[in-house]
PDB file of N, CA and C in Angstrom:
ATOM      1  N   UNK A   1      51.145  45.146  89.872  1.00  0.00           N
ATOM      2  CA  UNK A   1      52.526  44.318  89.709  1.00  0.00           C
ATOM      3  C   UNK A   1      52.904  42.998  90.300  1.00  0.00           C
ATOM      4  N   UNK A   2      52.440  43.294  91.448  1.00  0.00           N
ATOM      5  CA  UNK A   2      52.734  41.884  92.209  1.00  0.00           C
ATOM      6  C   UNK A   2      51.657  40.956  91.958  1.00  0.00           C
ATOM      7  N   UNK A   3      50.395  41.660  91.909  1.00  0.00           N
ATOM      8  CA  UNK A   3      49.252  40.442  90.943  1.00  0.00           C
ATOM      9  C   UNK A   3      50.106  39.577  89.677  1.00  0.00           C
ATOM     10  N   UNK A   4      50.812  39.856  88.661  1.00  0.00           N
ATOM     11  CA  UNK A   4      51.671  39.537  87.621  1.00  0.00           C
ATOM     12  C   UNK A   4      52.523  38.412  87.944  1.00  0.00           C
ATOM     13  N   UNK A   5      53.452  39.280  88.858  1.00  0.00           N
ATOM     14  CA  UNK A   5      54.146  38.173  89.915  1.00  0.00           C
ATOM     15  C   UNK A   5      53.670  36.890  90.750  1.00  0.00           C
ATOM     16  N   UNK A   6      53.276  37.290  91.094  1.00  0.00           N
ATOM     17  CA  UNK A   6      51.956  36.287  91.928  1.00  0.00           C
ATOM     18  C   UNK A   6      51.807  35.077  90.859  1.00  0.00           C
ATOM     19  N   UNK A   7      51.206  35.602  89.766  1.00  0.00           N
ATOM     20  CA  UNK A   7      50.678  34.798  88.838  1.00  0.00           C
ATOM     21  C   UNK A   7      51.905  33.519  88.287  1.00  0.00           C
ATOM     22  N   UNK A   8      52.625  34.622  87.700  1.00  0.00           N
ATOM     23  CA  UNK A   8      53.770  33.924  86.755  1.00  0.00           C
ATOM     24  C   UNK A   8      54.330  32.806  87.968  1.00  0.00           C
ATOM     25  N   UNK A   9      54.705  33.273  89.115  1.00  0.00           N
ATOM     26  CA  UNK A   9      55.325  32.209  90.243  1.00  0.00           C
ATOM     27  C   UNK A   9      53.904  30.942  90.507  1.00  0.00           C
ATOM     28  N   UNK A  10      52.680  31.353  90.444  1.00  0.00           N
ATOM     29  CA  UNK A  10      51.837  30.271  90.295  1.00  0.00           C
ATOM     30  C   UNK A  10      51.872  29.106  89.339  1.00  0.00           C
ATOM     31  N   UNK A  11      51.692  30.092  88.086  1.00  0.00           N
ATOM     32  CA  UNK A  11      51.961  29.339  87.077  1.00  0.00           C
ATOM     33  C   UNK A  11      53.041  28.305  86.594  1.00  0.00           C
ATOM     34  N   UNK A  12      54.396  28.728  87.291  1.00  0.00           N
ATOM     35  CA  UNK A  12      55.323  27.836  86.826  1.00  0.00           C
ATOM     36  C   UNK A  12      55.054  26.924  88.148  1.00  0.00           C
ATOM     37  N   UNK A  13      55.015  26.517  89.129  1.00  0.00           N
ATOM     38  CA  UNK A  13      54.512  26.014  90.355  1.00  0.00           C
ATOM     39  C   UNK A  13      53.257  25.216  89.839  1.00  0.00           C
ATOM     40  N   UNK A  14      52.757  25.352  89.158  1.00  0.00           N
ATOM     41  CA  UNK A  14      51.376  24.298  88.540  1.00  0.00           C
ATOM     42  C   UNK A  14      51.957  23.291  87.217  1.00  0.00           C
ATOM     43  N   UNK A  15      53.179  24.088  86.304  1.00  0.00           N
ATOM     44  CA  UNK A  15      53.804  23.516  85.618  1.00  0.00           C
ATOM     45  C   UNK A  15      54.778  22.589  86.102  1.00  0.00           C
ATOM     46  N   UNK A  16      55.352  22.761  86.727  1.00  0.00           N
ATOM     47  CA  UNK A  16      56.446  21.897  87.335  1.00  0.00           C
ATOM     48  C   UNK A  16      55.638  20.900  88.099  1.00  0.00           C
ATOM     49  N   UNK A  17      54.334  21.271  88.930  1.00  0.00           N
ATOM     50  CA  UNK A  17      54.201  19.763  89.812  1.00  0.00           C
ATOM     51  C   UNK A  17      53.221  18.835  88.300  1.00  0.00           C
ATOM     52  N   UNK A  18      52.702  19.620  87.776  1.00  0.00           N
ATOM     53  CA  UNK A  18      52.255  18.350  86.462  1.00  0.00           C
ATOM     54  C   UNK A  18      52.816  18.189  85.402  1.00  0.00           C
ATOM     55  N   UNK A  19      54.086  18.639  85.371  1.00  0.00           N
ATOM     56  CA  UNK A  19      54.824  18.221  84.215  1.00  0.00           C
ATOM     57  C   UNK A  19      56.063  16.936  84.345  1.00  0.00           C
ATOM     58  N   UNK A  20      55.804  16.103  83.691  1.00  0.00           N
ATOM     59  CA  UNK A  20      56.599  14.742  84.223  1.00  0.00           C
ATOM     60  C   UNK A  20      57.778  14.566  83.045  1.00  0.00           C
ATOM     61  N   UNK A  21      58.388  13.965  83.892  1.00  0.00           N
ATOM     62  CA  UNK A  21      60.228  14.016  82.907  1.00  0.00           C
ATOM     63  C   UNK A  21      59.672  12.949  81.718  1.00  0.00           C
ATOM     64  N   UNK A  22      59.628  13.420  80.372  1.00  0.00           N
ATOM     65  CA  UNK A  22      59.332  12.563  79.223  1.00  0.00           C
ATOM     66  C   UNK A  22      60.015  11.181  79.297  1.00  0.00           C
ATOM     67  N   UNK A  23      61.497  11.290  79.906  1.00  0.00           N
ATOM     68  CA  UNK A  23      62.262   9.844  80.244  1.00  0.00           C
ATOM     69  C   UNK A  23      61.080   8.772  80.702  1.00  0.00           C
ATOM     70  N   UNK A  24      60.415   9.235  81.565  1.00  0.00           N
ATOM     71  CA  UNK A  24      59.469   8.072  82.333  1.00  0.00           C
ATOM     72  C   UNK A  24      58.670   7.301  81.172  1.00  0.00           C
ATOM     73  N   UNK A  25      58.610   8.297  80.075  1.00  0.00           N
ATOM     74  CA  UNK A  25      57.366   7.486  79.476  1.00  0.00           C
ATOM     75  C   UNK A  25      58.093   6.620  78.570  1.00  0.00           C
ATOM     76  N   UNK A  26      59.563   6.178  78.443  1.00  0.00           N
ATOM     77  CA  UNK A  26      60.357   5.440  77.281  1.00  0.00           C
ATOM     78  C   UNK A  26      60.456   3.806  77.800  1.00  0.00           C
ATOM     79  N   UNK A  27      59.461   3.254  76.925  1.00  0.00           N
ATOM     80  CA  UNK A  27      59.313   1.949  76.871  1.00  0.00           C
ATOM     81  C   UNK A  27      60.365   0.968  77.623  1.00  0.00           C
ATOM     82  N   UNK A  28      59.991   0.164  78.681  1.00  0.00           N
ATOM     83  CA  UNK A  28      61.349  -0.361  79.476  1.00  0.00           C
ATOM     84  C   UNK A  28      60.659  -1.802  80.133  1.00  0.00           C
ATOM     85  N   UNK A  29      61.085  -2.739  79.894  1.00  0.00           N
ATOM     86  CA  UNK A  29      60.785  -4.023  80.529  1.00  0.00           C
ATOM     87  C   UNK A  29      61.865  -5.203  80.508  1.00  0.00           C
ATOM     88  N   UNK A  30      61.426  -6.175  81.020  1.00  0.00           N
ATOM     89  CA  UNK A  30      62.616  -7.374  81.270  1.00  0.00           C
ATOM     90  C   UNK A  30      62.042  -8.491  80.432  1.00  0.00           C
ATOM     91  N   UNK A  31      63.012  -9.194  80.179  1.00  0.00           N
ATOM     92  CA  UNK A  31      62.209 -10.463  79.767  1.00  0.00           C
ATOM     93  C   UNK A  31      62.974 -12.025  80.619  1.00  0.00           C
ATOM     94  N   UNK A  32      62.384 -12.667  81.071  1.00  0.00           N
ATOM     95  CA  UNK A  32      62.987 -13.787  81.966  1.00  0.00           C
ATOM     96  C   UNK A  32      62.862 -15.091  81.305  1.00  0.00           C
ATOM     97  N   UNK A  33      63.594 -15.818  81.376  1.00  0.00           N
ATOM     98  CA  UNK A  33      63.324 -17.344  81.909  1.00  0.00           C
ATOM     99  C   UNK A  33      62.764 -17.968  82.399  1.00  0.00           C
ATOM    100  N   UNK A  34      61.389 -19.086  82.639  1.00  0.00           N
ATOM    101  CA  UNK A  34      60.557 -19.297  83.739  1.00  0.00           C
ATOM    102  C   UNK A  34      61.086 -20.812  84.323  1.00  0.00           C
ATOM    103  N   UNK A  35      60.826 -21.466  82.770  1.00  0.00           N
ATOM    104  CA  UNK A  35      60.671 -22.634  82.968  1.00  0.00           C
ATOM    105  C   UNK A  35      61.178 -23.419  81.906  1.00  0.00           C
ATOM    106  N   UNK A  36      61.615 -25.174  82.093  1.00  0.00           N
ATOM    107  CA  UNK A  36      62.226 -25.750  80.861  1.00  0.00           C
ATOM    108  C   UNK A  36      61.682 -26.758  81.034  1.00  0.00           C
ATOM    109  N   UNK A  37      60.732 -27.362  80.070  1.00  0.00           N
ATOM    110  CA  UNK A  37      60.702 -28.739  79.992  1.00  0.00           C
ATOM    111  C   UNK A  37      61.058 -29.428  78.541  1.00  0.00           C
ATOM    112  N   UNK A  38      61.862 -30.525  78.876  1.00  0.00           N
ATOM    113  CA  UNK A  38      62.089 -31.631  77.501  1.00  0.00           C
ATOM    114  C   UNK A  38      61.442 -32.887  77.245  1.00  0.00           C
ATOM    115  N   UNK A  39      61.278 -32.802  75.957  1.00  0.00           N
ATOM    116  CA  UNK A  39      60.151 -34.251  75.469  1.00  0.00           C
ATOM    117  C   UNK A  39      61.246 -34.472  74.086  1.00  0.00           C
ATOM    118  N   UNK A  40      60.848 -36.069  73.712  1.00  0.00           N
ATOM    119  CA  UNK A  40      61.021 -36.543  73.005  1.00  0.00           C
ATOM    120  C   UNK A  40      59.822 -36.828  72.057  1.00  0.00           C
ATOM    121  N   UNK A  41      59.564 -36.391  70.683  1.00  0.00           N
ATOM    122  CA  UNK A  41      58.352 -36.632  70.047  1.00  0.00           C
ATOM    123  C   UNK A  41      58.741 -38.267  69.466  1.00  0.00           C
ATOM    124  N   UNK A  42      57.542 -38.561  68.536  1.00  0.00           N
ATOM    125  CA  UNK A  42      57.260 -39.836  68.300  1.00  0.00           C
ATOM    126  C   UNK A  42      58.138 -40.266  67.029  1.00  0.00           C
ATOM    127  N   UNK A  43      58.690 -39.463  66.323  1.00  0.00           N
ATOM    128  CA  UNK A  43      60.106 -39.613  65.887  1.00  0.00           C
ATOM    129  C   UNK A  43      61.185 -39.502  65.848  1.00  0.00           C
ATOM    130  N   UNK A  44      61.430 -39.234  67.352  1.00  0.00           N
ATOM    131  CA  UNK A  44      62.942 -39.365  68.025  1.00  0.00           C
ATOM    132  C   UNK A  44      63.177 -38.568  68.191  1.00  0.00           C
ATOM    133  N   UNK A  45      63.034 -37.027  67.790  1.00  0.00           N
ATOM    134  CA  UNK A  45      63.570 -35.626  67.925  1.00  0.00           C
ATOM    135  C   UNK A  45      63.089 -34.846  69.563  1.00  0.00           C
ATOM    136  N   UNK A  46      64.058 -34.782  69.870  1.00  0.00           N
ATOM    137  CA  UNK A  46      64.135 -33.876  71.066  1.00  0.00           C
ATOM    138  C   UNK A  46      64.355 -32.316  70.860  1.00  0.00           C
ATOM    139  N   UNK A  47      63.251 -31.658  72.174  1.00  0.00           N
ATOM    140  CA  UNK A  47      63.318 -30.659  71.964  1.00  0.00           C
ATOM    141  C   UNK A  47      63.633 -29.945  73.428  1.00  0.00           C
ATOM    142  N   UNK A  48      63.870 -28.839  73.756  1.00  0.00           N
ATOM    143  CA  UNK A  48      63.878 -28.085  75.078  1.00  0.00           C
ATOM    144  C   UNK A  48      62.610 -27.073  74.737  1.00  0.00           C
ATOM    145  N   UNK A  49      61.510 -26.962  75.566  1.00  0.00           N
ATOM    146  CA  UNK A  49      60.477 -25.934  75.687  1.00  0.00           C
ATOM    147  C   UNK A  49      60.821 -24.660  76.844  1.00  0.00           C
ATOM    148  N   UNK A  50      60.790 -23.772  76.402  1.00  0.00           N
ATOM    149  CA  UNK A  50      61.021 -22.525  77.283  1.00  0.00           C
ATOM    150  C   UNK A  50      59.839 -21.599  77.635  1.00  0.00           C
ATOM    151  N   UNK A  51      59.613 -21.369  78.563  1.00  0.00           N
ATOM    152  CA  UNK A  51      58.317 -20.355  78.833  1.00  0.00           C
ATOM    153  C   UNK A  51      59.485 -19.649  79.409  1.00  0.00           C
ATOM    154  N   UNK A  52      58.995 -18.245  79.128  1.00  0.00           N
ATOM    155  CA  UNK A  52      59.666 -17.025  79.232  1.00  0.00           C
ATOM    156  C   UNK A  52      57.986 -15.886  79.582  1.00  0.00           C
ATOM    157  N   UNK A  53      58.411 -14.660  80.525  1.00  0.00           N
ATOM    158  CA  UNK A  53      57.933 -13.815  81.125  1.00  0.00           C
ATOM    159  C   UNK A  53      58.514 -12.564  80.568  1.00  0.00           C
ATOM    160  N   UNK A  54      57.226 -11.623  79.970  1.00  0.00           N
ATOM    161  CA  UNK A  54      57.618 -10.230  79.739  1.00  0.00           C
ATOM    162  C   UNK A  54      57.224  -8.925  81.100  1.00  0.00           C
ATOM    163  N   UNK A  55      57.772  -8.357  81.633  1.00  0.00           N
ATOM    164  CA  UNK A  55      57.427  -7.787  82.382  1.00  0.00           C
ATOM    165  C   UNK A  55      57.246  -6.098  81.977  1.00  0.00           C
ATOM    166  N   UNK A  56      56.186  -5.362  82.044  1.00  0.00           N
ATOM    167  CA  UNK A  56      56.474  -3.936  81.533  1.00  0.00           C
ATOM    168  C   UNK A  56      56.887  -3.231  83.125  1.00  0.00           C
ATOM    169  N   UNK A  57      58.023  -2.518  82.931  1.00  0.00           N
ATOM    170  CA  UNK A  57      58.540  -1.829  84.026  1.00  0.00           C
ATOM    171  C   UNK A  57      58.404  -0.254  83.773  1.00  0.00           C
ATOM    172  N   UNK A  58      57.466  -0.092  82.724  1.00  0.00           N
ATOM    173  CA  UNK A  58      57.416   1.399  82.320  1.00  0.00           C
ATOM    174  C   UNK A  58      56.204   1.859  82.299  1.00  0.00           C
ATOM    175  N   UNK A  59      55.740   3.172  82.071  1.00  0.00           N
ATOM    176  CA  UNK A  59      54.447   3.508  82.497  1.00  0.00           C
ATOM    177  C   UNK A  59      53.613   3.623  80.733  1.00  0.00           C
ATOM    178  N   UNK A  60      53.885   3.276  79.870  1.00  0.00           N
ATOM    179  CA  UNK A  60      53.773   3.318  78.436  1.00  0.00           C
ATOM    180  C   UNK A  60      53.492   1.735  77.854  1.00  0.00           C
ATOM    181  N   UNK A  61      51.889   1.423  77.343  1.00  0.00           N
ATOM    182  CA  UNK A  61      52.011   0.316  77.244  1.00  0.00           C
ATOM    183  C   UNK A  61      53.015  -0.286  75.899  1.00  0.00           C
ATOM    184  N   UNK A  62      53.540  -1.629  76.267  1.00  0.00           N
ATOM    185  CA  UNK A  62      54.177  -2.343  75.120  1.00  0.00           C
ATOM    186  C   UNK A  62      53.428  -2.924  74.119  1.00  0.00           C
ATOM    187  N   UNK A  63      53.604  -2.566  72.869  1.00  0.00           N
ATOM    188  CA  UNK A  63      52.706  -3.363  71.825  1.00  0.00           C
ATOM    189  C   UNK A  63      53.382  -4.703  71.411  1.00  0.00           C
ATOM    190  N   UNK A  64      54.780  -5.019  71.872  1.00  0.00           N
ATOM    191  CA  UNK A  64      55.464  -5.754  71.398  1.00  0.00           C
ATOM    192  C   UNK A  64      56.688  -6.270  71.721  1.00  0.00           C
ATOM    193  N   UNK A  65      57.408  -7.081  71.713  1.00  0.00           N
ATOM    194  CA  UNK A  65      58.668  -7.619  72.419  1.00  0.00           C
ATOM    195  C   UNK A  65      59.471  -8.592  71.147  1.00  0.00           C
ATOM    196  N   UNK A  66      60.487  -7.995  71.089  1.00  0.00           N
ATOM    197  CA  UNK A  66      61.628  -8.791  70.193  1.00  0.00           C
ATOM    198  C   UNK A  66      62.806  -8.818  71.461  1.00  0.00           C
ATOM    199  N   UNK A  67      63.241 -10.011  71.434  1.00  0.00           N
ATOM    200  CA  UNK A  67      64.525 -10.379  71.988  1.00  0.00           C
ATOM    201  C   UNK A  67      65.612 -11.822  71.673  1.00  0.00           C
ATOM    202  N   UNK A  68      66.331 -11.428  71.575  1.00  0.00           N
ATOM    203  CA  UNK A  68      67.658 -12.748  71.116  1.00  0.00           C
ATOM    204  C   UNK A  68      68.124 -12.863  72.164  1.00  0.00           C
ATOM    205  N   UNK A  69      68.354 -14.721  72.212  1.00  0.00           N
ATOM    206  CA  UNK A  69      69.159 -15.717  73.519  1.00  0.00           C
ATOM    207  C   UNK A  69      69.680 -16.290  72.916  1.00  0.00           C
ATOM    208  N   UNK A  70      70.365 -17.196  73.607  1.00  0.00           N
ATOM    209  CA  UNK A  70      71.410 -17.914  73.968  1.00  0.00           C
ATOM    210  C   UNK A  70      70.879 -19.201  74.645  1.00  0.00           C
ATOM    211  N   UNK A  71      70.704 -20.347  74.074  1.00  0.00           N
ATOM    212  CA  UNK A  71      70.492 -21.527  75.109  1.00  0.00           C
ATOM    213  C   UNK A  71      71.537 -22.745  74.707  1.00  0.00           C
ATOM    214  N   UNK A  72      72.091 -23.000  76.117  1.00  0.00           N
ATOM    215  CA  UNK A  72      72.836 -24.208  75.865  1.00  0.00           C
ATOM    216  C   UNK A  72      72.451 -25.672  76.240  1.00  0.00           C
ATOM    217  N   UNK A  73      72.803 -26.807  75.287  1.00  0.00           N
ATOM    218  CA  UNK A  73      73.217 -27.852  76.104  1.00  0.00           C
ATOM    219  C   UNK A  73      74.139 -28.462  76.331  1.00  0.00           C
ATOM    220  N   UNK A  74      74.165 -29.788  76.814  1.00  0.00           N
ATOM    221  CA  UNK A  74      75.810 -30.255  77.152  1.00  0.00           C
ATOM    222  C   UNK A  74      76.529 -30.345  75.707  1.00  0.00           C
ATOM    223  N   UNK A  75      75.968 -29.728  74.720  1.00  0.00           N
ATOM    224  CA  UNK A  75      76.702 -30.841  73.385  1.00  0.00           C
ATOM    225  C   UNK A  75      77.184 -29.234  72.632  1.00  0.00           C
ATOM    226  N   UNK A  76      76.121 -28.461  73.298  1.00  0.00           N
ATOM    227  CA  UNK A  76      76.264 -27.256  71.842  1.00  0.00           C
ATOM    228  C   UNK A  76      75.788 -25.900  72.114  1.00  0.00           C
ATOM    229  N   UNK A  77      75.761 -24.608  71.526  1.00  0.00           N
ATOM    230  CA  UNK A  77      74.800 -23.582  71.559  1.00  0.00           C
ATOM    231  C   UNK A  77      73.413 -23.461  70.826  1.00  0.00           C
ATOM    232  N   UNK A  78      72.419 -22.773  70.921  1.00  0.00           N
ATOM    233  CA  UNK A  78      71.582 -22.558  70.115  1.00  0.00           C
ATOM    234  C   UNK A  78      71.513 -21.163  69.882  1.00  0.00           C
ATOM    235  N   UNK A  79      70.660 -20.467  69.186  1.00  0.00           N
ATOM    236  CA  UNK A  79      70.986 -18.735  68.910  1.00  0.00           C
ATOM    237  C   UNK A  79      69.572 -18.397  68.467  1.00  0.00           C
ATOM    238  N   UNK A  80      68.530 -17.795  68.982  1.00  0.00           N
ATOM    239  CA  UNK A  80      67.194 -17.595  68.318  1.00  0.00           C
ATOM    240  C   UNK A  80      67.079 -16.053  69.052  1.00  0.00           C
ATOM    241  N   UNK A  81      66.492 -15.424  68.095  1.00  0.00           N
ATOM    242  CA  UNK A  81      65.541 -14.119  68.283  1.00  0.00           C
ATOM    243  C   UNK A  81      63.877 -14.650  68.471  1.00  0.00           C
ATOM    244  N   UNK A  82      63.244 -14.062  68.954  1.00  0.00           N
ATOM    245  CA  UNK A  82      61.784 -14.179  69.394  1.00  0.00           C
ATOM    246  C   UNK A  82      61.127 -12.896  69.508  1.00  0.00           C
ATOM    247  N   UNK A  83      60.452 -13.035  68.435  1.00  0.00           N
ATOM    248  CA  UNK A  83      59.020 -11.657  68.288  1.00  0.00           C
ATOM    249  C   UNK A  83      57.961 -12.121  68.668  1.00  0.00           C
ATOM    250  N   UNK A  84      57.137 -11.308  70.071  1.00  0.00           N
ATOM    251  CA  UNK A  84      56.073 -11.626  70.426  1.00  0.00           C
ATOM    252  C   UNK A  84      55.545 -10.703  70.472  1.00  0.00           C
ATOM    253  N   UNK A  85      54.253 -10.525  69.761  1.00  0.00           N
ATOM    254  CA  UNK A  85      53.460  -9.480  69.617  1.00  0.00           C
ATOM    255  C   UNK A  85      52.063  -9.387  70.811  1.00  0.00           C
ATOM    256  N   UNK A  86      52.272  -9.847  71.908  1.00  0.00           N
ATOM    257  CA  UNK A  86      51.282  -9.787  73.189  1.00  0.00           C
ATOM    258  C   UNK A  86      51.717  -8.056  73.471  1.00  0.00           C
ATOM    259  N   UNK A  87      50.647  -7.093  74.105  1.00  0.00           N
ATOM    260  CA  UNK A  87      50.850  -6.133  74.362  1.00  0.00           C
ATOM    261  C   UNK A  87      50.949  -6.301  75.613  1.00  0.00           C
ATOM    262  N   UNK A  88      51.385  -5.362  76.304  1.00  0.00           N
ATOM    263  CA  UNK A  88      51.455  -5.826  77.867  1.00  0.00           C
ATOM    264  C   UNK A  88      51.301  -3.995  78.543  1.00  0.00           C
ATOM    265  N   UNK A  89      50.264  -3.935  79.460  1.00  0.00           N
ATOM    266  CA  UNK A  89      49.934  -2.674  79.643  1.00  0.00           C
ATOM    267  C   UNK A  89      51.105  -2.270  80.919  1.00  0.00           C
ATOM    268  N   UNK A  90      51.201  -1.586  81.580  1.00  0.00           N
ATOM    269  CA  UNK A  90      51.977  -0.753  82.566  1.00  0.00           C
ATOM    270  C   UNK A  90      52.104  -1.571  83.545  1.00  0.00           C
ATOM    271  N   UNK A  91      52.949  -1.827  83.828  1.00  0.00           N
ATOM    272  CA  UNK A  91      53.140  -2.713  85.676  1.00  0.00           C
ATOM    273  C   UNK A  91      52.504  -4.230  85.472  1.00  0.00           C
ATOM    274  N   UNK A  92      52.434  -4.333  84.314  1.00  0.00           N
ATOM    275  CA  UNK A  92      51.686  -6.026  84.334  1.00  0.00           C
ATOM    276  C   UNK A  92      52.830  -6.910  83.616  1.00  0.00           C
ATOM    277  N   UNK A  93      52.319  -8.095  83.208  1.00  0.00           N
ATOM    278  CA  UNK A  93      53.683  -9.319  82.733  1.00  0.00           C
ATOM    279  C   UNK A  93      52.620  -9.936  81.551  1.00  0.00           C
ATOM    280  N   UNK A  94      53.328 -10.808  80.717  1.00  0.00           N
ATOM    281  CA  UNK A  94      52.762 -11.744  79.461  1.00  0.00           C
ATOM    282  C   UNK A  94      53.177 -12.766  79.636  1.00  0.00           C
ATOM    283  N   UNK A  95      53.303 -13.625  79.438  1.00  0.00           N
ATOM    284  CA  UNK A  95      53.419 -14.894  79.131  1.00  0.00           C
ATOM    285  C   UNK A  95      53.936 -15.712  77.714  1.00  0.00           C
ATOM    286  N   UNK A  96      55.176 -16.009  77.354  1.00  0.00           N
ATOM    287  CA  UNK A  96      55.383 -16.864  76.257  1.00  0.00           C
ATOM    288  C   UNK A  96      55.969 -18.202  76.054  1.00  0.00           C
ATOM    289  N   UNK A  97      56.426 -18.488  75.124  1.00  0.00           N
ATOM    290  CA  UNK A  97      56.295 -20.114  74.945  1.00  0.00           C
ATOM    291  C   UNK A  97      57.524 -19.806  73.672  1.00  0.00           C
ATOM    292  N   UNK A  98      58.307 -20.858  74.044  1.00  0.00           N
ATOM    293  CA  UNK A  98      59.680 -20.753  72.459  1.00  0.00           C
ATOM    294  C   UNK A  98      60.465 -22.382  72.629  1.00  0.00           C
ATOM    295  N   UNK A  99      59.997 -23.094  71.783  1.00  0.00           N
ATOM    296  CA  UNK A  99      60.647 -24.428  71.407  1.00  0.00           C
ATOM    297  C   UNK A  99      62.005 -24.364  70.365  1.00  0.00           C
ATOM    298  N   UNK A 100      62.544 -25.379  71.417  1.00  0.00           N
ATOM    299  CA  UNK A 100      64.802 -25.204  70.739  1.00  0.00           C
ATOM    300  C   UNK A 100      63.938 -27.202  70.263  1.00  0.00           C
ATOM    301  N   UNK A 101      63.902 -27.007  68.908  1.00  0.00           N
ATOM    302  CA  UNK A 101      64.754 -28.517  68.599  1.00  0.00           C
ATOM    303  C   UNK A 101      66.220 -28.748  68.643  1.00  0.00           C
ATOM    304  N   UNK A 102      66.427 -30.043  69.345  1.00  0.00           N
ATOM    305  CA  UNK A 102      68.105 -30.060  69.608  1.00  0.00           C
ATOM    306  C   UNK A 102      68.461 -30.944  68.443  1.00  0.00           C
ATOM    307  N   UNK A 103      69.704 -30.641  67.918  1.00  0.00           N
ATOM    308  CA  UNK A 103      70.521 -32.054  66.839  1.00  0.00           C
ATOM    309  C   UNK A 103      70.476 -32.881  66.988  1.00  0.00           C
ATOM    310  N   UNK A 104      70.921 -33.614  68.271  1.00  0.00           N
ATOM    311  CA  UNK A 104      70.747 -34.445  69.150  1.00  0.00           C
ATOM    312  C   UNK A 104      69.932 -35.052  70.027  1.00  0.00           C
ATOM    313  N   UNK A 105      69.606 -36.475  69.942  1.00  0.00           N
ATOM    314  CA  UNK A 105      68.507 -36.719  71.124  1.00  0.00           C
ATOM    315  C   UNK A 105      68.836 -37.065  72.511  1.00  0.00           C
ATOM    316  N   UNK A 106      70.031 -36.718  72.238  1.00  0.00           N
ATOM    317  CA  UNK A 106      71.096 -37.136  73.907  1.00  0.00           C
ATOM    318  C   UNK A 106      71.705 -36.020  74.163  1.00  0.00           C
ATOM    319  N   UNK A 107      71.261 -34.619  73.613  1.00  0.00           N
ATOM    320  CA  UNK A 107      71.406 -33.392  74.571  1.00  0.00           C
ATOM    321  C   UNK A 107      70.424 -33.471  75.822  1.00  0.00           C
ATOM    322  N   UNK A 108      70.832 -32.516  76.542  1.00  0.00           N
ATOM    323  CA  UNK A 108      70.122 -31.985  77.724  1.00  0.00           C
ATOM    324  C   UNK A 108      70.487 -30.476  78.112  1.00  0.00           C
ATOM    325  N   UNK A 109      69.546 -30.125  78.137  1.00  0.00           N
ATOM    326  CA  UNK A 109      69.955 -28.492  78.455  1.00  0.00           C
ATOM    327  C   UNK A 109      69.307 -27.729  79.927  1.00  0.00           C
ATOM    328  N   UNK A 110      69.798 -26.751  80.306  1.00  0.00           N
ATOM    329  CA  UNK A 110      69.599 -26.087  81.737  1.00  0.00           C
ATOM    330  C   UNK A 110      68.932 -25.075  81.550  1.00  0.00           C
ATOM    331  N   UNK A 111      67.813 -24.884  82.189  1.00  0.00           N
ATOM    332  CA  UNK A 111      67.224 -23.276  82.648  1.00  0.00           C
ATOM    333  C   UNK A 111      67.977 -22.388  82.714  1.00  0.00           C
ATOM    334  N   UNK A 112      68.840 -22.636  83.368  1.00  0.00           N
ATOM    335  CA  UNK A 112      69.733 -21.296  83.385  1.00  0.00           C
ATOM    336  C   UNK A 112      71.141 -21.290  82.566  1.00  0.00           C
ATOM    337  N   UNK A 113      70.746 -22.144  81.573  1.00  0.00           N
ATOM    338  CA  UNK A 113      71.813 -21.784  80.529  1.00  0.00           C
ATOM    339  C   UNK A 113      70.969 -20.513  79.431  1.00  0.00           C
ATOM    340  N   UNK A 114      69.524 -20.397  79.405  1.00  0.00           N
ATOM    341  CA  UNK A 114      68.999 -19.724  78.532  1.00  0.00           C
ATOM    342  C   UNK A 114      68.974 -18.015  79.128  1.00  0.00           C
ATOM    343  N   UNK A 115      69.498 -17.441  78.127  1.00  0.00           N
ATOM    344  CA  UNK A 115      70.240 -16.251  78.773  1.00  0.00           C
ATOM    345  C   UNK A 115      69.998 -15.276  77.728  1.00  0.00           C
ATOM    346  N   UNK A 116      69.357 -14.003  78.153  1.00  0.00           N
ATOM    347  CA  UNK A 116      68.801 -12.875  77.495  1.00  0.00           C
ATOM    348  C   UNK A 116      70.125 -12.060  76.451  1.00  0.00           C
ATOM    349  N   UNK A 117      70.440 -11.944  75.338  1.00  0.00           N
ATOM    350  CA  UNK A 117      71.344 -11.295  74.793  1.00  0.00           C
ATOM    351  C   UNK A 117      71.370  -9.978  74.473  1.00  0.00           C
ATOM    352  N   UNK A 118      69.775  -9.439  73.968  1.00  0.00           N
ATOM    353  CA  UNK A 118      69.638  -8.350  73.634  1.00  0.00           C
ATOM    354  C   UNK A 118      68.033  -8.464  73.797  1.00  0.00           C
ATOM    355  N   UNK A 119      67.441  -6.865  74.016  1.00  0.00           N
ATOM    356  CA  UNK A 119      65.607  -6.965  73.644  1.00  0.00           C
ATOM    357  C   UNK A 119      65.085  -5.813  73.330  1.00  0.00           C
ATOM    358  N   UNK A 120      63.861  -6.142  72.704  1.00  0.00           N
ATOM    359  CA  UNK A 120      63.813  -3.956  72.219  1.00  0.00           C
ATOM    360  C   UNK A 120      61.964  -4.214  72.566  1.00  0.00           C
ATOM    361  N   UNK A 121      61.673  -2.748  72.831  1.00  0.00           N
ATOM    362  CA  UNK A 121      60.097  -3.092  72.865  1.00  0.00           C
ATOM    363  C   UNK A 121      59.646  -1.522  71.739  1.00  0.00           C
ATOM    364  N   UNK A 122      58.136  -2.204  71.549  1.00  0.00           N
ATOM    365  CA  UNK A 122      57.902  -1.323  70.767  1.00  0.00           C
ATOM    366  C   UNK A 122      56.359  -0.860  71.506  1.00  0.00           C
TER     367      UNK A 122
END
């Protein structure tokens, strides 16, 4: 009888030590804009080029990311959705790039105006 009790306690202890909270495997990450470059092409069209990073803060591999963001210039706001198919392993990051064609060549943007509205990982 004591042996059964000992084995039951031992099995419970091993399970508790080896079991991980399933919520810790939920996909999680963050998207940040890291650089803005503005340029004018030969046709006179001005654009803002935003570089971003995707950091995997979870334990599971991210197979892709989609995020919506707002970017403002001194004259207007632009709204976009980006679908990034880069796979990002746990604890690592990937970089991406998105361009915004301005409506007017006199517009000027700032990196701080690029804000993430929502993000989803798959």
